[in-house]
Amino acid sequence: MKETSVVDVRDAVVLLGSFPALAEATLTIGRGELVVVQGANGAGKTTLLRLCAGLLPLARGTAHVMGHDVSSDRAAVRASVGFLGHANGLYLDLTAGENLSFWGDVVGASRPEVTSAAQRMGLNERLLSTQVGRLSAGQKRRTALAVLAVRRATLWLLDEPHAGLDAAGRDEIDALLRDAVGAGATVVVASHELERSASLATRRIEIVGGRIIESGGRK
């Protein structure tokens, strides 16, 4: 793996049951890139992100993420990345503020950092004091993104992060992702929103039938 590579996937095959959700996929992502992954439903976008998050095993090929071998050290991979899938990964019985405080304590974030993340995603005092299970879908998404910001991951992996949000919320996410890249993070986003992602990405790739196709060069 190149020293500058955050993700280095070579001829990767990932099976869901007996179905090859990724078929000899190859992809290298360097530090500081904001890569948007596009493709039809079932093409393999979510599978690629879950592989890079250490949540799925390889059947064949190789994959290294943040210097860790996905085949032998998936636990280290999971500890090194921030992953936001279709599920928000929040504790439903805690308030939004308690979720943020919990992750802030885990990573050693300061109180101002936690407060800033909440404000950035439009979480006011009323929402912060509300149990997550009682929040709307959009409010849960905002909370999950604020948690991701608090965790300060070096690699962000986001599966349709704009889902459930209004136009203002989508713009806030785009700004958050650009800021994360500006601060040195690498971001990989799976998205159906072609127009929005085209302006957001430094590079776009497409997955077709489990295979990766470069569809947009680096800016």
N, C-alpha and C. Protein backbone atom coordinates (compact mmCIF):
# COMPACT_ATOMS: atom_id res chain seq x y z
N MET A 1 0.83 -1.19 0.00
CA MET A 1 0.00 0.00 0.00
C MET A 1 0.86 1.24 0.00
N LYS A 2 0.52 2.23 -0.82
CA LYS A 2 1.27 3.47 -0.83
C LYS A 2 1.10 4.19 0.51
N GLU A 3 2.16 4.87 0.95
CA GLU A 3 2.10 5.55 2.23
C GLU A 3 1.00 6.60 2.27
N THR A 4 0.70 7.23 1.13
CA THR A 4 -0.30 8.29 1.10
C THR A 4 -1.72 7.75 0.95
N SER A 5 -1.87 6.44 0.80
CA SER A 5 -3.19 5.86 0.59
C SER A 5 -3.89 5.63 1.92
N VAL A 6 -5.13 6.09 1.99
CA VAL A 6 -5.97 5.79 3.15
C VAL A 6 -6.74 4.50 2.91
N VAL A 7 -7.17 4.30 1.66
CA VAL A 7 -7.86 3.07 1.25
C VAL A 7 -7.12 2.48 0.06
N ASP A 8 -6.82 1.19 0.14
CA ASP A 8 -6.17 0.50 -0.97
C ASP A 8 -6.82 -0.87 -1.12
N VAL A 9 -7.74 -0.98 -2.07
CA VAL A 9 -8.49 -2.21 -2.31
C VAL A 9 -8.05 -2.77 -3.65
N ARG A 10 -7.68 -4.05 -3.66
CA ARG A 10 -7.18 -4.67 -4.89
C ARG A 10 -7.92 -5.99 -5.17
N ASP A 11 -8.58 -6.04 -6.32
CA ASP A 11 -9.25 -7.26 -6.78
C ASP A 11 -10.14 -7.86 -5.70
N ALA A 12 -10.86 -7.00 -5.00
CA ALA A 12 -11.66 -7.43 -3.85
C ALA A 12 -12.95 -8.11 -4.29
N VAL A 13 -13.21 -9.25 -3.68
CA VAL A 13 -14.48 -9.96 -3.86
C VAL A 13 -15.14 -10.07 -2.48
N VAL A 14 -16.37 -9.55 -2.37
CA VAL A 14 -17.14 -9.65 -1.14
C VAL A 14 -18.43 -10.38 -1.46
N LEU A 15 -18.70 -11.44 -0.72
CA LEU A 15 -19.90 -12.24 -0.95
C LEU A 15 -20.96 -11.91 0.08
N LEU A 16 -22.19 -11.72 -0.39
CA LEU A 16 -23.35 -11.65 0.48
C LEU A 16 -24.14 -12.92 0.23
N GLY A 17 -23.95 -13.90 1.12
CA GLY A 17 -24.41 -15.25 0.82
C GLY A 17 -23.50 -15.81 -0.25
N SER A 18 -24.06 -16.20 -1.37
CA SER A 18 -23.24 -16.67 -2.49
C SER A 18 -23.12 -15.63 -3.60
N PHE A 19 -23.74 -14.45 -3.38
CA PHE A 19 -23.76 -13.41 -4.41
C PHE A 19 -22.54 -12.49 -4.27
N PRO A 20 -21.79 -12.27 -5.35
CA PRO A 20 -20.63 -11.37 -5.28
C PRO A 20 -21.05 -9.91 -5.34
N ALA A 21 -21.24 -9.28 -4.18
CA ALA A 21 -21.67 -7.89 -4.13
C ALA A 21 -20.56 -6.96 -4.60
N LEU A 22 -19.31 -7.36 -4.40
CA LEU A 22 -18.16 -6.72 -5.04
C LEU A 22 -17.43 -7.79 -5.83
N ALA A 23 -17.07 -7.48 -7.06
CA ALA A 23 -16.46 -8.47 -7.94
C ALA A 23 -15.15 -7.93 -8.50
N GLU A 24 -14.05 -8.32 -7.87
CA GLU A 24 -12.71 -7.90 -8.31
C GLU A 24 -12.61 -6.37 -8.37
N ALA A 25 -13.09 -5.74 -7.33
CA ALA A 25 -13.07 -4.27 -7.25
C ALA A 25 -11.69 -3.79 -6.84
N THR A 26 -11.23 -2.73 -7.48
CA THR A 26 -9.93 -2.13 -7.18
C THR A 26 -10.11 -0.62 -7.03
N LEU A 27 -9.58 -0.08 -5.94
CA LEU A 27 -9.75 1.35 -5.66
C LEU A 27 -8.65 1.81 -4.71
N THR A 28 -8.05 2.95 -5.02
CA THR A 28 -7.09 3.59 -4.12
C THR A 28 -7.57 5.01 -3.85
N ILE A 29 -7.61 5.38 -2.57
CA ILE A 29 -8.04 6.71 -2.16
C ILE A 29 -6.93 7.34 -1.32
N GLY A 30 -6.50 8.52 -1.73
CA GLY A 30 -5.43 9.21 -1.03
C GLY A 30 -5.95 10.10 0.08
N ARG A 31 -5.05 10.55 0.92
CA ARG A 31 -5.41 11.45 2.02
C ARG A 31 -5.98 12.75 1.49
N GLY A 32 -7.03 13.23 2.15
CA GLY A 32 -7.60 14.52 1.81
C GLY A 32 -8.56 14.51 0.64
N GLU A 33 -8.87 13.35 0.10
CA GLU A 33 -9.84 13.29 -1.00
C GLU A 33 -11.27 13.28 -0.45
N LEU A 34 -12.18 13.79 -1.26
CA LEU A 34 -13.61 13.66 -0.99
C LEU A 34 -14.19 12.92 -2.19
N VAL A 35 -14.36 11.63 -2.02
CA VAL A 35 -14.75 10.74 -3.11
C VAL A 35 -16.23 10.42 -3.00
N VAL A 36 -16.95 10.63 -4.08
CA VAL A 36 -18.37 10.28 -4.13
C VAL A 36 -18.52 9.00 -4.95
N VAL A 37 -19.22 8.03 -4.37
CA VAL A 37 -19.46 6.73 -5.00
C VAL A 37 -20.89 6.71 -5.52
N GLN A 38 -21.04 6.48 -6.82
CA GLN A 38 -22.36 6.47 -7.44
C GLN A 38 -22.65 5.10 -8.03
N GLY A 39 -23.92 4.84 -8.27
CA GLY A 39 -24.31 3.57 -8.85
C GLY A 39 -25.76 3.28 -8.53
N ALA A 40 -26.34 2.37 -9.29
CA ALA A 40 -27.74 1.99 -9.09
C ALA A 40 -27.90 1.23 -7.78
N ASN A 41 -29.13 1.12 -7.32
CA ASN A 41 -29.41 0.30 -6.15
C ASN A 41 -28.93 -1.13 -6.39
N GLY A 42 -28.22 -1.67 -5.42
CA GLY A 42 -27.71 -3.03 -5.56
C GLY A 42 -26.41 -3.15 -6.31
N ALA A 43 -25.83 -2.02 -6.73
CA ALA A 43 -24.59 -2.06 -7.51
C ALA A 43 -23.38 -2.44 -6.66
N GLY A 44 -23.45 -2.15 -5.34
CA GLY A 44 -22.32 -2.48 -4.48
C GLY A 44 -21.78 -1.30 -3.67
N LYS A 45 -22.47 -0.15 -3.71
CA LYS A 45 -21.98 1.04 -2.99
C LYS A 45 -21.89 0.79 -1.49
N THR A 46 -22.98 0.30 -0.91
CA THR A 46 -22.99 0.05 0.54
C THR A 46 -21.99 -1.03 0.91
N THR A 47 -21.86 -2.04 0.08
CA THR A 47 -20.90 -3.11 0.35
C THR A 47 -19.48 -2.57 0.40
N LEU A 48 -19.14 -1.67 -0.54
CA LEU A 48 -17.80 -1.07 -0.54
C LEU A 48 -17.55 -0.31 0.75
N LEU A 49 -18.51 0.51 1.16
CA LEU A 49 -18.33 1.28 2.39
C LEU A 49 -18.20 0.37 3.60
N ARG A 50 -19.01 -0.67 3.67
CA ARG A 50 -18.97 -1.58 4.82
C ARG A 50 -17.67 -2.38 4.83
N LEU A 51 -17.13 -2.70 3.66
CA LEU A 51 -15.82 -3.34 3.60
C LEU A 51 -14.76 -2.41 4.17
N CYS A 52 -14.79 -1.15 3.74
CA CYS A 52 -13.79 -0.18 4.19
C CYS A 52 -13.94 0.15 5.67
N ALA A 53 -15.14 -0.07 6.22
CA ALA A 53 -15.38 0.17 7.65
C ALA A 53 -15.03 -1.05 8.50
N GLY A 54 -14.59 -2.13 7.87
CA GLY A 54 -14.25 -3.33 8.62
C GLY A 54 -15.45 -4.13 9.06
N LEU A 55 -16.58 -3.94 8.39
CA LEU A 55 -17.82 -4.61 8.79
C LEU A 55 -18.14 -5.83 7.94
N LEU A 56 -17.40 -6.02 6.84
CA LEU A 56 -17.61 -7.19 5.99
C LEU A 56 -16.26 -7.84 5.69
N PRO A 57 -16.21 -9.18 5.63
CA PRO A 57 -14.96 -9.85 5.31
C PRO A 57 -14.73 -9.96 3.81
N LEU A 58 -13.49 -10.11 3.45
CA LEU A 58 -13.12 -10.37 2.06
C LEU A 58 -13.22 -11.86 1.76
N ALA A 59 -13.73 -12.18 0.59
CA ALA A 59 -13.67 -13.57 0.11
C ALA A 59 -12.37 -13.80 -0.65
N ARG A 60 -11.98 -12.79 -1.46
CA ARG A 60 -10.71 -12.84 -2.20
C ARG A 60 -10.20 -11.42 -2.37
N GLY A 61 -8.93 -11.32 -2.75
CA GLY A 61 -8.33 -10.02 -2.95
C GLY A 61 -7.74 -9.46 -1.66
N THR A 62 -7.37 -8.18 -1.69
CA THR A 62 -6.78 -7.53 -0.52
C THR A 62 -7.44 -6.17 -0.30
N ALA A 63 -7.40 -5.74 0.94
CA ALA A 63 -7.92 -4.41 1.28
C ALA A 63 -7.19 -3.92 2.52
N HIS A 64 -6.63 -2.71 2.42
CA HIS A 64 -6.00 -2.05 3.55
C HIS A 64 -6.68 -0.69 3.76
N VAL A 65 -7.00 -0.42 5.01
CA VAL A 65 -7.65 0.85 5.37
C VAL A 65 -6.90 1.45 6.55
N MET A 66 -6.43 2.66 6.39
CA MET A 66 -5.66 3.34 7.43
C MET A 66 -4.47 2.50 7.86
N GLY A 67 -3.91 1.75 6.91
CA GLY A 67 -2.74 0.92 7.20
C GLY A 67 -3.06 -0.43 7.79
N HIS A 68 -4.34 -0.71 8.04
CA HIS A 68 -4.74 -1.98 8.64
C HIS A 68 -5.25 -2.95 7.57
N ASP A 69 -4.89 -4.21 7.72
CA ASP A 69 -5.31 -5.24 6.79
C ASP A 69 -6.73 -5.69 7.15
N VAL A 70 -7.67 -5.47 6.23
CA VAL A 70 -9.06 -5.83 6.50
C VAL A 70 -9.23 -7.33 6.72
N SER A 71 -8.38 -8.13 6.08
CA SER A 71 -8.50 -9.58 6.20
C SER A 71 -8.13 -10.08 7.59
N SER A 72 -7.18 -9.42 8.24
CA SER A 72 -6.67 -9.95 9.51
C SER A 72 -6.92 -9.05 10.71
N ASP A 73 -7.34 -7.80 10.48
CA ASP A 73 -7.45 -6.87 11.60
C ASP A 73 -8.65 -5.94 11.43
N ARG A 74 -9.84 -6.55 11.27
CA ARG A 74 -11.02 -5.73 11.05
C ARG A 74 -11.37 -4.88 12.28
N ALA A 75 -11.03 -5.36 13.48
CA ALA A 75 -11.32 -4.58 14.69
C ALA A 75 -10.56 -3.26 14.68
N ALA A 76 -9.30 -3.29 14.24
CA ALA A 76 -8.50 -2.06 14.17
C ALA A 76 -9.06 -1.12 13.11
N VAL A 77 -9.56 -1.68 12.02
CA VAL A 77 -10.17 -0.85 10.98
C VAL A 77 -11.40 -0.15 11.55
N ARG A 78 -12.26 -0.89 12.24
CA ARG A 78 -13.49 -0.30 12.79
C ARG A 78 -13.18 0.82 13.76
N ALA A 79 -12.07 0.68 14.51
CA ALA A 79 -11.70 1.70 15.48
C ALA A 79 -11.12 2.95 14.83
N SER A 80 -10.73 2.85 13.57
CA SER A 80 -10.00 3.94 12.90
C SER A 80 -10.88 4.81 12.03
N VAL A 81 -12.12 4.39 11.77
CA VAL A 81 -12.96 5.12 10.83
C VAL A 81 -14.25 5.57 11.49
N GLY A 82 -14.90 6.56 10.87
CA GLY A 82 -16.23 6.96 11.26
C GLY A 82 -17.20 6.55 10.17
N PHE A 83 -18.13 5.66 10.49
CA PHE A 83 -19.05 5.11 9.50
C PHE A 83 -20.48 5.51 9.84
N LEU A 84 -21.18 6.03 8.84
CA LEU A 84 -22.60 6.34 9.00
C LEU A 84 -23.36 5.66 7.88
N GLY A 85 -24.09 4.61 8.24
CA GLY A 85 -24.87 3.87 7.24
C GLY A 85 -26.30 4.33 7.22
N HIS A 86 -27.19 3.48 6.72
CA HIS A 86 -28.61 3.82 6.69
C HIS A 86 -29.16 3.91 8.10
N ALA A 87 -28.66 3.04 8.99
CA ALA A 87 -28.99 3.16 10.41
C ALA A 87 -28.08 4.23 11.01
N ASN A 88 -28.61 4.99 11.96
CA ASN A 88 -27.86 6.12 12.49
C ASN A 88 -26.87 5.76 13.59
N GLY A 89 -27.00 4.55 14.16
CA GLY A 89 -26.04 4.11 15.16
C GLY A 89 -26.12 4.89 16.46
N LEU A 90 -27.31 5.37 16.80
CA LEU A 90 -27.49 6.15 18.03
C LEU A 90 -28.15 5.30 19.11
N TYR A 91 -27.95 5.70 20.36
CA TYR A 91 -28.64 5.05 21.49
C TYR A 91 -30.01 5.70 21.63
N LEU A 92 -31.05 4.94 21.30
CA LEU A 92 -32.39 5.51 21.22
C LEU A 92 -32.93 5.93 22.58
N ASP A 93 -32.46 5.29 23.67
CA ASP A 93 -32.97 5.61 25.00
C ASP A 93 -32.25 6.79 25.64
N LEU A 94 -31.21 7.30 24.98
CA LEU A 94 -30.51 8.50 25.45
C LEU A 94 -30.98 9.71 24.68
N THR A 95 -30.79 10.88 25.26
CA THR A 95 -31.11 12.10 24.52
C THR A 95 -30.04 12.35 23.47
N ALA A 96 -30.34 13.27 22.54
CA ALA A 96 -29.34 13.62 21.53
C ALA A 96 -28.09 14.17 22.20
N GLY A 97 -28.26 15.00 23.22
CA GLY A 97 -27.12 15.55 23.94
C GLY A 97 -26.31 14.49 24.65
N GLU A 98 -26.98 13.50 25.21
CA GLU A 98 -26.27 12.41 25.90
C GLU A 98 -25.48 11.56 24.91
N ASN A 99 -26.04 11.35 23.72
CA ASN A 99 -25.28 10.63 22.69
C ASN A 99 -24.01 11.38 22.33
N LEU A 100 -24.11 12.70 22.15
CA LEU A 100 -22.94 13.50 21.81
C LEU A 100 -21.93 13.49 22.96
N SER A 101 -22.40 13.63 24.18
CA SER A 101 -21.50 13.65 25.33
C SER A 101 -20.78 12.31 25.50
N PHE A 102 -21.52 11.22 25.25
CA PHE A 102 -20.90 9.90 25.37
C PHE A 102 -19.72 9.76 24.43
N TRP A 103 -19.93 10.09 23.14
CA TRP A 103 -18.84 9.96 22.18
C TRP A 103 -17.75 10.99 22.41
N GLY A 104 -18.14 12.15 22.92
CA GLY A 104 -17.13 13.13 23.27
C GLY A 104 -16.20 12.61 24.35
N ASP A 105 -16.77 11.92 25.34
CA ASP A 105 -15.95 11.33 26.41
C ASP A 105 -15.06 10.21 25.87
N VAL A 106 -15.61 9.41 24.94
CA VAL A 106 -14.84 8.28 24.39
C VAL A 106 -13.58 8.78 23.68
N VAL A 107 -13.70 9.85 22.91
CA VAL A 107 -12.56 10.32 22.11
C VAL A 107 -11.81 11.47 22.76
N GLY A 108 -12.26 11.91 23.93
CA GLY A 108 -11.57 13.00 24.61
C GLY A 108 -11.83 14.36 24.02
N ALA A 109 -13.01 14.54 23.40
CA ALA A 109 -13.36 15.85 22.85
C ALA A 109 -13.73 16.81 23.97
N SER A 110 -13.41 18.07 23.78
CA SER A 110 -13.72 19.08 24.78
C SER A 110 -15.20 19.46 24.71
N ARG A 111 -15.70 20.07 25.77
CA ARG A 111 -17.08 20.52 25.77
C ARG A 111 -17.36 21.52 24.64
N PRO A 112 -16.46 22.49 24.39
CA PRO A 112 -16.70 23.39 23.26
C PRO A 112 -16.77 22.65 21.92
N GLU A 113 -15.99 21.59 21.74
CA GLU A 113 -16.05 20.82 20.50
C GLU A 113 -17.41 20.14 20.35
N VAL A 114 -17.92 19.59 21.45
CA VAL A 114 -19.23 18.94 21.42
C VAL A 114 -20.32 19.96 21.11
N THR A 115 -20.24 21.11 21.77
CA THR A 115 -21.23 22.16 21.55
C THR A 115 -21.19 22.67 20.11
N SER A 116 -19.99 22.84 19.58
CA SER A 116 -19.83 23.31 18.21
C SER A 116 -20.44 22.33 17.21
N ALA A 117 -20.23 21.03 17.42
CA ALA A 117 -20.79 20.02 16.52
C ALA A 117 -22.31 20.05 16.55
N ALA A 118 -22.87 20.21 17.75
CA ALA A 118 -24.33 20.27 17.88
C ALA A 118 -24.88 21.49 17.15
N GLN A 119 -24.24 22.64 17.36
CA GLN A 119 -24.70 23.86 16.71
C GLN A 119 -24.56 23.77 15.21
N ARG A 120 -23.49 23.15 14.76
CA ARG A 120 -23.24 23.04 13.32
C ARG A 120 -24.35 22.27 12.62
N MET A 121 -24.89 21.28 13.29
CA MET A 121 -25.95 20.46 12.68
C MET A 121 -27.34 20.89 13.12
N GLY A 122 -27.45 22.10 13.68
CA GLY A 122 -28.77 22.67 13.97
C GLY A 122 -29.49 22.01 15.13
N LEU A 123 -28.74 21.49 16.10
CA LEU A 123 -29.35 20.85 17.27
C LEU A 123 -29.46 21.88 18.40
N ASN A 124 -30.66 22.38 18.63
CA ASN A 124 -30.86 23.37 19.68
C ASN A 124 -31.07 22.67 21.03
N GLU A 125 -31.25 23.45 22.08
CA GLU A 125 -31.37 22.88 23.42
C GLU A 125 -32.56 21.93 23.53
N ARG A 126 -33.66 22.26 22.86
CA ARG A 126 -34.83 21.39 22.93
C ARG A 126 -34.52 20.02 22.32
N LEU A 127 -33.88 20.01 21.17
CA LEU A 127 -33.55 18.74 20.53
C LEU A 127 -32.51 17.97 21.33
N LEU A 128 -31.53 18.67 21.87
CA LEU A 128 -30.48 18.00 22.64
C LEU A 128 -31.03 17.32 23.89
N SER A 129 -32.12 17.84 24.43
CA SER A 129 -32.70 17.26 25.64
C SER A 129 -33.80 16.25 25.34
N THR A 130 -34.00 15.95 24.04
CA THR A 130 -35.04 15.01 23.63
C THR A 130 -34.45 13.62 23.42
N GLN A 131 -35.15 12.61 23.90
CA GLN A 131 -34.73 11.23 23.69
C GLN A 131 -34.69 10.94 22.19
N VAL A 132 -33.60 10.30 21.75
CA VAL A 132 -33.41 10.09 20.31
C VAL A 132 -34.57 9.32 19.69
N GLY A 133 -35.12 8.36 20.41
CA GLY A 133 -36.22 7.58 19.88
C GLY A 133 -37.45 8.41 19.55
N ARG A 134 -37.51 9.64 20.05
CA ARG A 134 -38.67 10.50 19.80
C ARG A 134 -38.37 11.56 18.74
N LEU A 135 -37.16 11.57 18.21
CA LEU A 135 -36.80 12.54 17.18
C LEU A 135 -37.32 12.09 15.81
N SER A 136 -37.49 13.06 14.91
CA SER A 136 -37.86 12.73 13.54
C SER A 136 -36.67 12.11 12.82
N ALA A 137 -36.92 11.57 11.63
CA ALA A 137 -35.83 10.95 10.86
C ALA A 137 -34.73 11.97 10.55
N GLY A 138 -35.12 13.17 10.16
CA GLY A 138 -34.13 14.20 9.86
C GLY A 138 -33.34 14.62 11.08
N GLN A 139 -34.01 14.74 12.23
CA GLN A 139 -33.33 15.12 13.47
C GLN A 139 -32.35 14.03 13.93
N LYS A 140 -32.74 12.78 13.73
CA LYS A 140 -31.81 11.68 14.06
C LYS A 140 -30.58 11.75 13.16
N ARG A 141 -30.80 12.06 11.88
CA ARG A 141 -29.68 12.13 10.95
C ARG A 141 -28.73 13.26 11.34
N ARG A 142 -29.29 14.40 11.74
CA ARG A 142 -28.47 15.52 12.19
C ARG A 142 -27.65 15.12 13.42
N THR A 143 -28.29 14.41 14.33
CA THR A 143 -27.59 13.98 15.55
C THR A 143 -26.45 13.02 15.21
N ALA A 144 -26.71 12.08 14.31
CA ALA A 144 -25.69 11.12 13.92
C ALA A 144 -24.51 11.81 13.26
N LEU A 145 -24.76 12.82 12.44
CA LEU A 145 -23.66 13.56 11.80
C LEU A 145 -22.89 14.39 12.81
N ALA A 146 -23.59 14.94 13.80
CA ALA A 146 -22.89 15.67 14.86
C ALA A 146 -21.98 14.73 15.64
N VAL A 147 -22.45 13.51 15.90
CA VAL A 147 -21.61 12.50 16.57
C VAL A 147 -20.37 12.21 15.75
N LEU A 148 -20.55 12.07 14.44
CA LEU A 148 -19.42 11.79 13.56
C LEU A 148 -18.40 12.92 13.63
N ALA A 149 -18.88 14.16 13.67
CA ALA A 149 -17.97 15.30 13.78
C ALA A 149 -17.22 15.28 15.11
N VAL A 150 -17.92 14.92 16.18
CA VAL A 150 -17.29 14.86 17.50
C VAL A 150 -16.20 13.79 17.54
N ARG A 151 -16.44 12.69 16.84
CA ARG A 151 -15.48 11.57 16.88
C ARG A 151 -14.16 11.91 16.17
N ARG A 152 -14.15 12.91 15.30
CA ARG A 152 -12.93 13.39 14.65
C ARG A 152 -12.19 12.28 13.92
N ALA A 153 -12.94 11.43 13.23
CA ALA A 153 -12.32 10.33 12.50
C ALA A 153 -11.45 10.86 11.36
N THR A 154 -10.40 10.13 11.03
CA THR A 154 -9.53 10.50 9.91
C THR A 154 -10.14 10.08 8.58
N LEU A 155 -10.95 9.01 8.61
CA LEU A 155 -11.66 8.53 7.41
C LEU A 155 -13.15 8.52 7.71
N TRP A 156 -13.91 9.27 6.93
CA TRP A 156 -15.36 9.31 7.07
C TRP A 156 -15.97 8.49 5.94
N LEU A 157 -16.87 7.58 6.28
CA LEU A 157 -17.58 6.75 5.31
C LEU A 157 -19.07 6.97 5.52
N LEU A 158 -19.73 7.55 4.52
CA LEU A 158 -21.13 7.93 4.69
C LEU A 158 -21.99 7.36 3.57
N ASP A 159 -23.05 6.66 3.97
CA ASP A 159 -23.97 6.05 3.00
C ASP A 159 -25.25 6.87 2.95
N GLU A 160 -25.42 7.61 1.85
CA GLU A 160 -26.58 8.47 1.64
C GLU A 160 -26.81 9.39 2.85
N PRO A 161 -25.84 10.22 3.22
CA PRO A 161 -25.96 11.05 4.42
C PRO A 161 -27.04 12.12 4.33
N HIS A 162 -27.47 12.49 3.10
CA HIS A 162 -28.47 13.53 2.94
C HIS A 162 -29.89 13.03 3.13
N ALA A 163 -30.06 11.71 3.27
CA ALA A 163 -31.40 11.13 3.36
C ALA A 163 -32.15 11.67 4.56
N GLY A 164 -33.41 12.06 4.33
CA GLY A 164 -34.27 12.52 5.41
C GLY A 164 -34.08 13.96 5.81
N LEU A 165 -33.23 14.70 5.11
CA LEU A 165 -32.95 16.09 5.47
C LEU A 165 -33.56 17.06 4.46
N ASP A 166 -33.89 18.26 4.95
CA ASP A 166 -34.37 19.30 4.06
C ASP A 166 -33.18 19.97 3.37
N ALA A 167 -33.46 20.93 2.50
CA ALA A 167 -32.40 21.56 1.70
C ALA A 167 -31.34 22.21 2.59
N ALA A 168 -31.78 22.87 3.67
CA ALA A 168 -30.82 23.52 4.56
C ALA A 168 -29.92 22.49 5.23
N GLY A 169 -30.50 21.38 5.65
CA GLY A 169 -29.71 20.33 6.28
C GLY A 169 -28.71 19.72 5.32
N ARG A 170 -29.10 19.56 4.07
CA ARG A 170 -28.19 19.01 3.06
C ARG A 170 -27.02 19.96 2.82
N ASP A 171 -27.31 21.24 2.79
CA ASP A 171 -26.23 22.22 2.61
C ASP A 171 -25.28 22.19 3.81
N GLU A 172 -25.82 22.03 5.01
CA GLU A 172 -24.98 21.97 6.21
C GLU A 172 -24.06 20.76 6.16
N ILE A 173 -24.58 19.63 5.68
CA ILE A 173 -23.74 18.44 5.57
C ILE A 173 -22.61 18.67 4.59
N ASP A 174 -22.92 19.27 3.44
CA ASP A 174 -21.88 19.52 2.44
C ASP A 174 -20.78 20.41 3.03
N ALA A 175 -21.18 21.43 3.76
CA ALA A 175 -20.19 22.31 4.38
C ALA A 175 -19.38 21.56 5.43
N LEU A 176 -20.04 20.69 6.20
CA LEU A 176 -19.35 19.90 7.22
C LEU A 176 -18.31 18.99 6.58
N LEU A 177 -18.66 18.35 5.47
CA LEU A 177 -17.75 17.44 4.80
C LEU A 177 -16.56 18.20 4.21
N ARG A 178 -16.81 19.36 3.62
CA ARG A 178 -15.71 20.16 3.08
C ARG A 178 -14.78 20.60 4.21
N ASP A 179 -15.35 20.98 5.35
CA ASP A 179 -14.53 21.38 6.49
C ASP A 179 -13.70 20.21 7.00
N ALA A 180 -14.29 19.01 7.02
CA ALA A 180 -13.56 17.82 7.48
C ALA A 180 -12.35 17.56 6.59
N VAL A 181 -12.56 17.67 5.27
CA VAL A 181 -11.45 17.49 4.34
C VAL A 181 -10.40 18.59 4.54
N GLY A 182 -10.87 19.81 4.75
CA GLY A 182 -9.94 20.91 4.99
C GLY A 182 -9.11 20.72 6.23
N ALA A 183 -9.66 19.99 7.21
CA ALA A 183 -8.94 19.72 8.45
C ALA A 183 -8.06 18.48 8.36
N GLY A 184 -8.03 17.83 7.18
CA GLY A 184 -7.13 16.71 6.98
C GLY A 184 -7.78 15.35 6.88
N ALA A 185 -9.11 15.29 7.00
CA ALA A 185 -9.79 14.00 6.90
C ALA A 185 -9.96 13.59 5.44
N THR A 186 -10.23 12.31 5.25
CA THR A 186 -10.61 11.77 3.94
C THR A 186 -12.07 11.35 4.04
N VAL A 187 -12.87 11.67 3.02
CA VAL A 187 -14.31 11.42 3.06
C VAL A 187 -14.72 10.61 1.84
N VAL A 188 -15.50 9.56 2.08
CA VAL A 188 -16.08 8.75 1.00
C VAL A 188 -17.59 8.73 1.22
N VAL A 189 -18.33 9.17 0.20
CA VAL A 189 -19.78 9.30 0.31
C VAL A 189 -20.46 8.52 -0.80
N ALA A 190 -21.40 7.66 -0.44
CA ALA A 190 -22.26 7.02 -1.44
C ALA A 190 -23.49 7.88 -1.60
N SER A 191 -23.82 8.24 -2.85
CA SER A 191 -24.93 9.17 -3.07
C SER A 191 -25.62 8.91 -4.39
N HIS A 192 -26.95 9.12 -4.37
CA HIS A 192 -27.73 9.09 -5.60
C HIS A 192 -27.87 10.48 -6.21
N GLU A 193 -27.51 11.51 -5.46
CA GLU A 193 -27.76 12.88 -5.87
C GLU A 193 -26.63 13.36 -6.78
N LEU A 194 -26.81 13.17 -8.08
CA LEU A 194 -25.73 13.40 -9.03
C LEU A 194 -25.32 14.87 -9.09
N GLU A 195 -26.28 15.77 -9.14
CA GLU A 195 -25.95 17.19 -9.25
C GLU A 195 -25.22 17.69 -8.01
N ARG A 196 -25.73 17.33 -6.83
CA ARG A 196 -25.10 17.78 -5.59
C ARG A 196 -23.72 17.17 -5.43
N SER A 197 -23.59 15.88 -5.69
CA SER A 197 -22.31 15.22 -5.47
C SER A 197 -21.25 15.68 -6.47
N ALA A 198 -21.68 16.08 -7.67
CA ALA A 198 -20.71 16.54 -8.66
C ALA A 198 -19.98 17.79 -8.18
N SER A 199 -20.70 18.66 -7.48
CA SER A 199 -20.07 19.88 -6.98
C SER A 199 -19.30 19.63 -5.69
N LEU A 200 -19.62 18.54 -5.00
CA LEU A 200 -19.01 18.25 -3.71
C LEU A 200 -17.69 17.51 -3.85
N ALA A 201 -17.59 16.63 -4.82
CA ALA A 201 -16.50 15.66 -4.88
C ALA A 201 -15.21 16.24 -5.45
N THR A 202 -14.09 15.74 -4.96
CA THR A 202 -12.83 15.92 -5.65
C THR A 202 -12.62 14.81 -6.67
N ARG A 203 -13.36 13.70 -6.46
CA ARG A 203 -13.31 12.60 -7.43
C ARG A 203 -14.59 11.80 -7.33
N ARG A 204 -15.08 11.31 -8.46
CA ARG A 204 -16.27 10.47 -8.48
C ARG A 204 -15.93 9.11 -9.07
N ILE A 205 -16.50 8.07 -8.46
CA ILE A 205 -16.37 6.74 -9.03
C ILE A 205 -17.77 6.15 -9.15
N GLU A 206 -17.90 5.19 -10.03
CA GLU A 206 -19.18 4.52 -10.22
C GLU A 206 -18.98 3.03 -10.02
N ILE A 207 -19.96 2.39 -9.40
CA ILE A 207 -19.94 0.94 -9.26
C ILE A 207 -21.04 0.37 -10.14
N VAL A 208 -20.66 -0.55 -10.98
CA VAL A 208 -21.60 -1.23 -11.88
C VAL A 208 -21.41 -2.73 -11.70
N GLY A 209 -22.44 -3.39 -11.21
CA GLY A 209 -22.37 -4.84 -11.04
C GLY A 209 -21.22 -5.28 -10.16
N GLY A 210 -20.92 -4.50 -9.12
CA GLY A 210 -19.87 -4.86 -8.19
C GLY A 210 -18.47 -4.49 -8.64
N ARG A 211 -18.35 -3.85 -9.80
CA ARG A 211 -17.05 -3.43 -10.31
C ARG A 211 -16.94 -1.91 -10.28
N ILE A 212 -15.75 -1.43 -9.98
CA ILE A 212 -15.53 0.01 -9.83
C ILE A 212 -15.04 0.61 -11.13
N ILE A 213 -15.69 1.71 -11.53
CA ILE A 213 -15.34 2.44 -12.75
C ILE A 213 -15.08 3.88 -12.37
N GLU A 214 -13.93 4.41 -12.76
CA GLU A 214 -13.66 5.82 -12.53
C GLU A 214 -14.53 6.64 -13.47
N SER A 215 -15.35 7.55 -12.89
CA SER A 215 -16.25 8.33 -13.72
C SER A 215 -15.99 9.82 -13.63
N GLY A 216 -15.06 10.23 -12.81
CA GLY A 216 -14.74 11.66 -12.70
C GLY A 216 -13.36 11.84 -12.12
N GLY A 217 -12.49 12.57 -12.81
CA GLY A 217 -11.12 12.75 -12.35
C GLY A 217 -11.02 13.69 -11.18
N ARG A 218 -9.85 13.76 -10.60
CA ARG A 218 -9.60 14.66 -9.48
C ARG A 218 -9.69 16.10 -9.97
N LYS A 219 -10.25 16.95 -9.09
CA LYS A 219 -10.33 18.37 -9.41
C LYS A 219 -8.98 19.01 -9.20
